[in-house]
Amino acid sequence: MISYIKFFLCMIVGLLLWNVLSSSDNQTLVDIIGISFFTTFFKWLYEVSFEGAEGTEKI
């Protein structure tokens, strides 16, 4: 769970830096948080579906 929180926060920081450095993209904070949320969700979904994420292993 901690890895997903770190990934989410890194996505926000990365997109904020990209928004500052790239003058052509003018995204609002809500857009950045939304993109980060959906990216984290699909990362979790991929890991659970195909790789067997933490806590999903069968004993």
Protein backbone atom coordinates (compact mmCIF):
# COMPACT_ATOMS: atom_id res chain seq x y z
CA MET A 1 0.00 0.00 0.00
CA ILE A 2 2.86 2.35 0.80
CA SER A 3 4.32 1.81 -2.67
CA TYR A 4 1.07 3.03 -4.26
CA ILE A 5 1.02 6.15 -2.08
CA LYS A 6 4.64 6.88 -3.04
CA PHE A 7 3.81 6.30 -6.71
CA PHE A 8 0.79 8.63 -6.45
CA LEU A 9 2.83 11.40 -4.82
CA CYS A 10 5.66 10.99 -7.34
CA MET A 11 3.12 11.27 -10.16
CA ILE A 12 1.80 14.54 -8.70
CA VAL A 13 5.30 15.98 -8.26
CA GLY A 14 6.37 14.85 -11.73
CA LEU A 15 3.31 16.30 -13.42
CA LEU A 16 3.68 19.57 -11.51
CA LEU A 17 7.31 19.83 -12.64
CA TRP A 18 6.31 19.00 -16.21
CA ASN A 19 3.63 21.69 -16.04
CA VAL A 20 6.19 24.25 -14.85
CA LEU A 21 8.84 23.30 -17.41
CA SER A 22 6.52 22.87 -20.38
CA SER A 23 4.76 26.11 -21.21
CA SER A 24 2.43 24.49 -23.75
CA ASP A 25 0.64 22.35 -21.14
CA ASN A 26 -1.49 24.36 -18.75
CA GLN A 27 -3.13 21.81 -16.50
CA THR A 28 -4.95 22.72 -13.32
CA LEU A 29 -4.19 21.04 -10.01
CA VAL A 30 -7.44 19.08 -10.28
CA ASP A 31 -6.34 17.69 -13.67
CA ILE A 32 -2.97 16.66 -12.25
CA ILE A 33 -4.52 14.93 -9.23
CA GLY A 34 -7.06 13.19 -11.46
CA ILE A 35 -4.40 11.91 -13.86
CA SER A 36 -2.29 10.73 -10.91
CA PHE A 37 -5.27 8.96 -9.32
CA PHE A 38 -6.25 7.12 -12.50
CA THR A 39 -2.65 6.18 -13.26
CA THR A 40 -2.21 4.78 -9.75
CA PHE A 41 -5.51 2.90 -10.03
CA PHE A 42 -4.55 1.29 -13.33
CA LYS A 43 -1.07 0.45 -11.95
CA TRP A 44 -2.78 -1.34 -9.05
CA LEU A 45 -5.25 -3.06 -11.39
CA TYR A 46 -2.44 -4.29 -13.65
CA GLU A 47 -0.39 -5.61 -10.74
CA VAL A 48 -3.36 -7.39 -9.18
CA SER A 49 -4.54 -8.86 -12.48
CA PHE A 50 -1.28 -9.97 -14.06
CA GLU A 51 1.50 -9.97 -11.48
CA GLY A 52 -0.17 -10.83 -8.18
CA ALA A 53 0.35 -7.73 -6.06
CA GLU A 54 1.05 -7.67 -2.33
CA GLY A 55 -1.61 -9.33 -0.26
CA THR A 56 -3.12 -11.23 -3.17
CA GLU A 57 -0.96 -14.36 -3.00
CA LYS A 58 -2.73 -17.59 -2.17
CA ILE A 59 -1.39 -19.53 0.79
